[in-house]
Amino acid sequence: MAEITKEQVLKVLERVNDPELRINIVDLGLVYDIEITEDNNVGIDMTLTTQACPVGPLIQMQAEAALKSIPGVNQVDVRLVFDPPWTPDRMSPRLKKAREMGLL
């Protein structure tokens, strides 16, 4: 059984975009934690930019589908958490720079 890495998980999650912002959930800093078991079960804790996000269920489904696309993954668990609340400070350095330049 091939070992699944956090880098693989992050790479596939970069394909999941917030449909309103059109930015991937990794760069937005929405992925809080990644767990990979010896049985190749993958669980993530992720958040949304706001608890009232109307596309939250869609983003969660897309994250699940992305994780299931990793060869060797058995089960997937995408948990939405809101503690701590998301802030722009969680964004990747690249996005922070674009925001400072007024591009976001």
N, C-alpha and C. Protein backbone atom coordinates (compact mmCIF):
# COMPACT_ATOMS: atom_id res chain seq x y z
N MET A 1 0.84 -1.18 0.00
CA MET A 1 0.00 0.00 0.00
C MET A 1 0.89 1.25 0.00
N ALA A 2 0.64 2.15 -0.94
CA ALA A 2 1.44 3.36 -1.05
C ALA A 2 1.13 4.32 0.10
N GLU A 3 2.15 4.98 0.58
CA GLU A 3 1.97 5.93 1.66
C GLU A 3 1.43 7.25 1.10
N ILE A 4 0.40 7.76 1.74
CA ILE A 4 -0.18 9.03 1.34
C ILE A 4 0.45 10.12 2.20
N THR A 5 0.84 11.21 1.58
CA THR A 5 1.53 12.27 2.30
C THR A 5 0.65 13.52 2.40
N LYS A 6 0.99 14.37 3.36
CA LYS A 6 0.28 15.65 3.51
C LYS A 6 0.47 16.51 2.27
N GLU A 7 1.65 16.39 1.65
CA GLU A 7 1.91 17.16 0.43
C GLU A 7 0.95 16.76 -0.68
N GLN A 8 0.68 15.45 -0.82
CA GLN A 8 -0.29 14.98 -1.82
C GLN A 8 -1.68 15.56 -1.52
N VAL A 9 -2.04 15.52 -0.26
CA VAL A 9 -3.36 16.00 0.15
C VAL A 9 -3.49 17.49 -0.18
N LEU A 10 -2.48 18.27 0.18
CA LEU A 10 -2.53 19.71 -0.12
C LEU A 10 -2.57 19.97 -1.61
N LYS A 11 -1.83 19.19 -2.38
CA LYS A 11 -1.79 19.38 -3.83
C LYS A 11 -3.17 19.19 -4.46
N VAL A 12 -3.88 18.13 -4.06
CA VAL A 12 -5.21 17.92 -4.65
C VAL A 12 -6.21 18.95 -4.12
N LEU A 13 -6.03 19.40 -2.89
CA LEU A 13 -6.94 20.41 -2.34
C LEU A 13 -6.75 21.77 -3.01
N GLU A 14 -5.58 21.98 -3.62
CA GLU A 14 -5.36 23.22 -4.37
C GLU A 14 -6.27 23.31 -5.61
N ARG A 15 -6.87 22.20 -5.99
CA ARG A 15 -7.81 22.20 -7.13
C ARG A 15 -9.22 22.62 -6.71
N VAL A 16 -9.44 22.76 -5.41
CA VAL A 16 -10.76 23.14 -4.89
C VAL A 16 -10.77 24.65 -4.67
N ASN A 17 -11.61 25.33 -5.40
CA ASN A 17 -11.70 26.79 -5.30
C ASN A 17 -12.95 27.22 -4.56
N ASP A 18 -12.83 28.31 -3.83
CA ASP A 18 -14.00 28.98 -3.30
C ASP A 18 -14.66 29.61 -4.53
N PRO A 19 -15.88 29.19 -4.88
CA PRO A 19 -16.49 29.68 -6.13
C PRO A 19 -16.76 31.18 -6.15
N GLU A 20 -16.92 31.79 -4.99
CA GLU A 20 -17.17 33.22 -4.96
C GLU A 20 -15.87 34.01 -5.14
N LEU A 21 -14.81 33.55 -4.51
CA LEU A 21 -13.53 34.26 -4.59
C LEU A 21 -12.64 33.77 -5.72
N ARG A 22 -12.92 32.57 -6.20
CA ARG A 22 -12.12 31.91 -7.27
C ARG A 22 -10.66 31.76 -6.86
N ILE A 23 -10.45 31.41 -5.60
CA ILE A 23 -9.12 31.16 -5.06
C ILE A 23 -9.19 29.81 -4.35
N ASN A 24 -8.09 29.03 -4.47
CA ASN A 24 -8.14 27.69 -3.88
C ASN A 24 -8.12 27.74 -2.35
N ILE A 25 -8.68 26.68 -1.76
CA ILE A 25 -8.87 26.65 -0.31
C ILE A 25 -7.55 26.55 0.46
N VAL A 26 -6.50 26.05 -0.18
CA VAL A 26 -5.20 25.96 0.49
C VAL A 26 -4.60 27.36 0.61
N ASP A 27 -4.55 28.11 -0.50
CA ASP A 27 -4.00 29.46 -0.46
C ASP A 27 -4.83 30.39 0.42
N LEU A 28 -6.14 30.15 0.49
CA LEU A 28 -6.98 30.96 1.36
C LEU A 28 -6.73 30.67 2.84
N GLY A 29 -6.10 29.53 3.12
CA GLY A 29 -5.84 29.16 4.51
C GLY A 29 -7.04 28.52 5.19
N LEU A 30 -7.90 27.89 4.39
CA LEU A 30 -9.10 27.26 4.94
C LEU A 30 -8.84 25.87 5.48
N VAL A 31 -7.72 25.25 5.13
CA VAL A 31 -7.39 23.90 5.61
C VAL A 31 -6.61 24.05 6.90
N TYR A 32 -7.19 23.59 8.00
CA TYR A 32 -6.58 23.75 9.32
C TYR A 32 -5.72 22.55 9.72
N ASP A 33 -6.18 21.34 9.42
CA ASP A 33 -5.47 20.15 9.89
C ASP A 33 -5.69 19.01 8.92
N ILE A 34 -4.68 18.14 8.80
CA ILE A 34 -4.74 16.96 7.94
C ILE A 34 -4.33 15.76 8.78
N GLU A 35 -5.15 14.72 8.72
CA GLU A 35 -4.83 13.46 9.40
C GLU A 35 -4.81 12.34 8.37
N ILE A 36 -3.77 11.53 8.42
CA ILE A 36 -3.67 10.37 7.53
C ILE A 36 -3.38 9.17 8.41
N THR A 37 -4.24 8.17 8.37
CA THR A 37 -4.05 6.99 9.20
C THR A 37 -3.20 5.95 8.47
N GLU A 38 -2.78 4.93 9.21
CA GLU A 38 -2.01 3.83 8.62
C GLU A 38 -2.83 3.09 7.56
N ASP A 39 -4.16 3.15 7.68
CA ASP A 39 -5.06 2.48 6.72
C ASP A 39 -5.38 3.36 5.51
N ASN A 40 -4.66 4.48 5.37
CA ASN A 40 -4.88 5.42 4.27
C ASN A 40 -6.26 6.06 4.29
N ASN A 41 -6.76 6.30 5.49
CA ASN A 41 -7.95 7.13 5.64
C ASN A 41 -7.46 8.56 5.81
N VAL A 42 -8.13 9.49 5.15
CA VAL A 42 -7.71 10.89 5.20
C VAL A 42 -8.84 11.72 5.79
N GLY A 43 -8.48 12.51 6.79
CA GLY A 43 -9.42 13.43 7.40
C GLY A 43 -8.82 14.82 7.41
N ILE A 44 -9.66 15.80 7.16
CA ILE A 44 -9.18 17.18 7.26
C ILE A 44 -10.17 17.99 8.08
N ASP A 45 -9.63 18.96 8.79
CA ASP A 45 -10.44 20.00 9.40
C ASP A 45 -10.27 21.23 8.53
N MET A 46 -11.36 21.76 8.10
CA MET A 46 -11.30 22.97 7.27
C MET A 46 -12.39 23.92 7.72
N THR A 47 -12.25 25.16 7.31
CA THR A 47 -13.24 26.17 7.66
C THR A 47 -13.70 26.88 6.41
N LEU A 48 -14.50 27.87 6.59
CA LEU A 48 -14.97 28.71 5.50
C LEU A 48 -14.66 30.16 5.87
N THR A 49 -14.69 31.04 4.89
CA THR A 49 -14.38 32.44 5.20
C THR A 49 -15.41 33.05 6.13
N THR A 50 -16.62 32.49 6.15
CA THR A 50 -17.67 32.92 7.07
C THR A 50 -18.57 31.72 7.36
N GLN A 51 -19.10 31.65 8.56
CA GLN A 51 -19.99 30.53 8.92
C GLN A 51 -21.24 30.51 8.05
N ALA A 52 -21.65 31.67 7.56
CA ALA A 52 -22.86 31.76 6.75
C ALA A 52 -22.59 31.58 5.26
N CYS A 53 -21.43 31.08 4.91
CA CYS A 53 -21.06 30.91 3.50
C CYS A 53 -22.09 30.03 2.78
N PRO A 54 -22.78 30.58 1.77
CA PRO A 54 -23.81 29.82 1.10
C PRO A 54 -23.28 28.65 0.25
N VAL A 55 -22.01 28.69 -0.09
CA VAL A 55 -21.45 27.61 -0.92
C VAL A 55 -20.62 26.62 -0.08
N GLY A 56 -20.73 26.71 1.24
CA GLY A 56 -19.99 25.81 2.13
C GLY A 56 -20.18 24.34 1.80
N PRO A 57 -21.43 23.87 1.64
CA PRO A 57 -21.62 22.45 1.32
C PRO A 57 -20.97 22.05 -0.02
N LEU A 58 -20.99 22.95 -0.99
CA LEU A 58 -20.35 22.67 -2.27
C LEU A 58 -18.84 22.54 -2.11
N ILE A 59 -18.23 23.45 -1.37
CA ILE A 59 -16.78 23.39 -1.14
C ILE A 59 -16.42 22.10 -0.41
N GLN A 60 -17.22 21.72 0.58
CA GLN A 60 -16.97 20.50 1.33
C GLN A 60 -17.06 19.27 0.42
N MET A 61 -18.07 19.22 -0.45
CA MET A 61 -18.20 18.09 -1.39
C MET A 61 -17.03 18.05 -2.37
N GLN A 62 -16.60 19.20 -2.85
CA GLN A 62 -15.47 19.23 -3.78
C GLN A 62 -14.19 18.79 -3.10
N ALA A 63 -14.00 19.15 -1.83
CA ALA A 63 -12.82 18.72 -1.08
C ALA A 63 -12.85 17.20 -0.91
N GLU A 64 -14.01 16.64 -0.60
CA GLU A 64 -14.14 15.18 -0.46
C GLU A 64 -13.80 14.49 -1.77
N ALA A 65 -14.32 14.98 -2.86
CA ALA A 65 -14.05 14.38 -4.17
C ALA A 65 -12.57 14.46 -4.52
N ALA A 66 -11.95 15.59 -4.22
CA ALA A 66 -10.51 15.75 -4.50
C ALA A 66 -9.70 14.75 -3.70
N LEU A 67 -10.03 14.58 -2.42
CA LEU A 67 -9.29 13.64 -1.57
C LEU A 67 -9.48 12.20 -2.05
N LYS A 68 -10.69 11.87 -2.48
CA LYS A 68 -10.96 10.51 -2.97
C LYS A 68 -10.22 10.22 -4.27
N SER A 69 -9.77 11.26 -4.97
CA SER A 69 -9.05 11.05 -6.23
C SER A 69 -7.60 10.62 -6.01
N ILE A 70 -7.11 10.70 -4.77
CA ILE A 70 -5.73 10.28 -4.49
C ILE A 70 -5.68 8.76 -4.52
N PRO A 71 -4.82 8.18 -5.35
CA PRO A 71 -4.74 6.72 -5.41
C PRO A 71 -4.39 6.12 -4.04
N GLY A 72 -5.17 5.11 -3.64
CA GLY A 72 -4.91 4.42 -2.40
C GLY A 72 -5.71 4.92 -1.21
N VAL A 73 -6.40 6.05 -1.34
CA VAL A 73 -7.19 6.56 -0.23
C VAL A 73 -8.39 5.65 -0.01
N ASN A 74 -8.62 5.28 1.24
CA ASN A 74 -9.76 4.43 1.57
C ASN A 74 -10.98 5.28 1.90
N GLN A 75 -10.94 5.94 3.04
CA GLN A 75 -12.08 6.74 3.47
C GLN A 75 -11.65 8.19 3.63
N VAL A 76 -12.62 9.08 3.47
CA VAL A 76 -12.36 10.52 3.55
C VAL A 76 -13.35 11.13 4.54
N ASP A 77 -12.85 12.04 5.36
CA ASP A 77 -13.70 12.75 6.31
C ASP A 77 -13.32 14.23 6.27
N VAL A 78 -14.20 15.05 5.74
CA VAL A 78 -13.97 16.50 5.67
C VAL A 78 -14.86 17.15 6.72
N ARG A 79 -14.22 17.66 7.76
CA ARG A 79 -14.94 18.24 8.88
C ARG A 79 -14.87 19.77 8.80
N LEU A 80 -16.03 20.42 8.85
CA LEU A 80 -16.07 21.89 8.90
C LEU A 80 -15.96 22.32 10.35
N VAL A 81 -15.01 23.19 10.63
CA VAL A 81 -14.82 23.73 11.97
C VAL A 81 -14.78 25.25 11.87
N PHE A 82 -15.17 25.89 12.93
CA PHE A 82 -15.19 27.36 12.92
C PHE A 82 -14.43 27.95 14.10
N ASP A 83 -13.61 27.12 14.74
CA ASP A 83 -12.79 27.58 15.84
C ASP A 83 -11.36 27.11 15.60
N PRO A 84 -10.44 27.99 15.35
CA PRO A 84 -10.60 29.44 15.39
C PRO A 84 -11.27 29.94 14.12
N PRO A 85 -11.92 31.10 14.21
CA PRO A 85 -12.53 31.67 13.02
C PRO A 85 -11.46 32.04 11.99
N TRP A 86 -11.83 31.94 10.73
CA TRP A 86 -10.90 32.31 9.66
C TRP A 86 -10.71 33.82 9.64
N THR A 87 -9.48 34.23 9.37
CA THR A 87 -9.17 35.64 9.12
C THR A 87 -8.21 35.69 7.93
N PRO A 88 -8.09 36.83 7.27
CA PRO A 88 -7.15 36.95 6.14
C PRO A 88 -5.70 36.65 6.51
N ASP A 89 -5.38 36.69 7.81
CA ASP A 89 -4.02 36.35 8.25
C ASP A 89 -3.64 34.92 7.91
N ARG A 90 -4.62 34.05 7.67
CA ARG A 90 -4.36 32.64 7.37
C ARG A 90 -4.00 32.42 5.89
N MET A 91 -4.15 33.44 5.07
CA MET A 91 -3.87 33.29 3.63
C MET A 91 -2.37 33.04 3.40
N SER A 92 -2.08 32.44 2.26
CA SER A 92 -0.68 32.20 1.89
C SER A 92 0.03 33.53 1.69
N PRO A 93 1.35 33.56 1.84
CA PRO A 93 2.10 34.81 1.62
C PRO A 93 1.84 35.42 0.24
N ARG A 94 1.68 34.57 -0.76
CA ARG A 94 1.43 35.06 -2.12
C ARG A 94 0.10 35.82 -2.19
N LEU A 95 -0.93 35.27 -1.55
CA LEU A 95 -2.23 35.95 -1.56
C LEU A 95 -2.19 37.23 -0.73
N LYS A 96 -1.48 37.19 0.38
CA LYS A 96 -1.36 38.41 1.20
C LYS A 96 -0.72 39.53 0.40
N LYS A 97 0.30 39.18 -0.38
CA LYS A 97 0.99 40.17 -1.20
C LYS A 97 0.04 40.74 -2.26
N ALA A 98 -0.73 39.85 -2.92
CA ALA A 98 -1.69 40.31 -3.93
C ALA A 98 -2.74 41.22 -3.30
N ARG A 99 -3.15 40.88 -2.09
CA ARG A 99 -4.13 41.69 -1.39
C ARG A 99 -3.56 43.07 -1.07
N GLU A 100 -2.31 43.11 -0.61
CA GLU A 100 -1.66 44.39 -0.30
C GLU A 100 -1.54 45.26 -1.53
N MET A 101 -1.38 44.62 -2.70
CA MET A 101 -1.23 45.36 -3.96
C MET A 101 -2.60 45.75 -4.54
N GLY A 102 -3.67 45.35 -3.85
CA GLY A 102 -5.02 45.70 -4.33
C GLY A 102 -5.53 44.80 -5.43
N LEU A 103 -4.89 43.64 -5.62
CA LEU A 103 -5.31 42.73 -6.68
C LEU A 103 -6.44 41.81 -6.25
N LEU A 104 -6.73 41.79 -4.97
CA LEU A 104 -7.84 40.97 -4.44
C LEU A 104 -8.87 41.86 -3.79
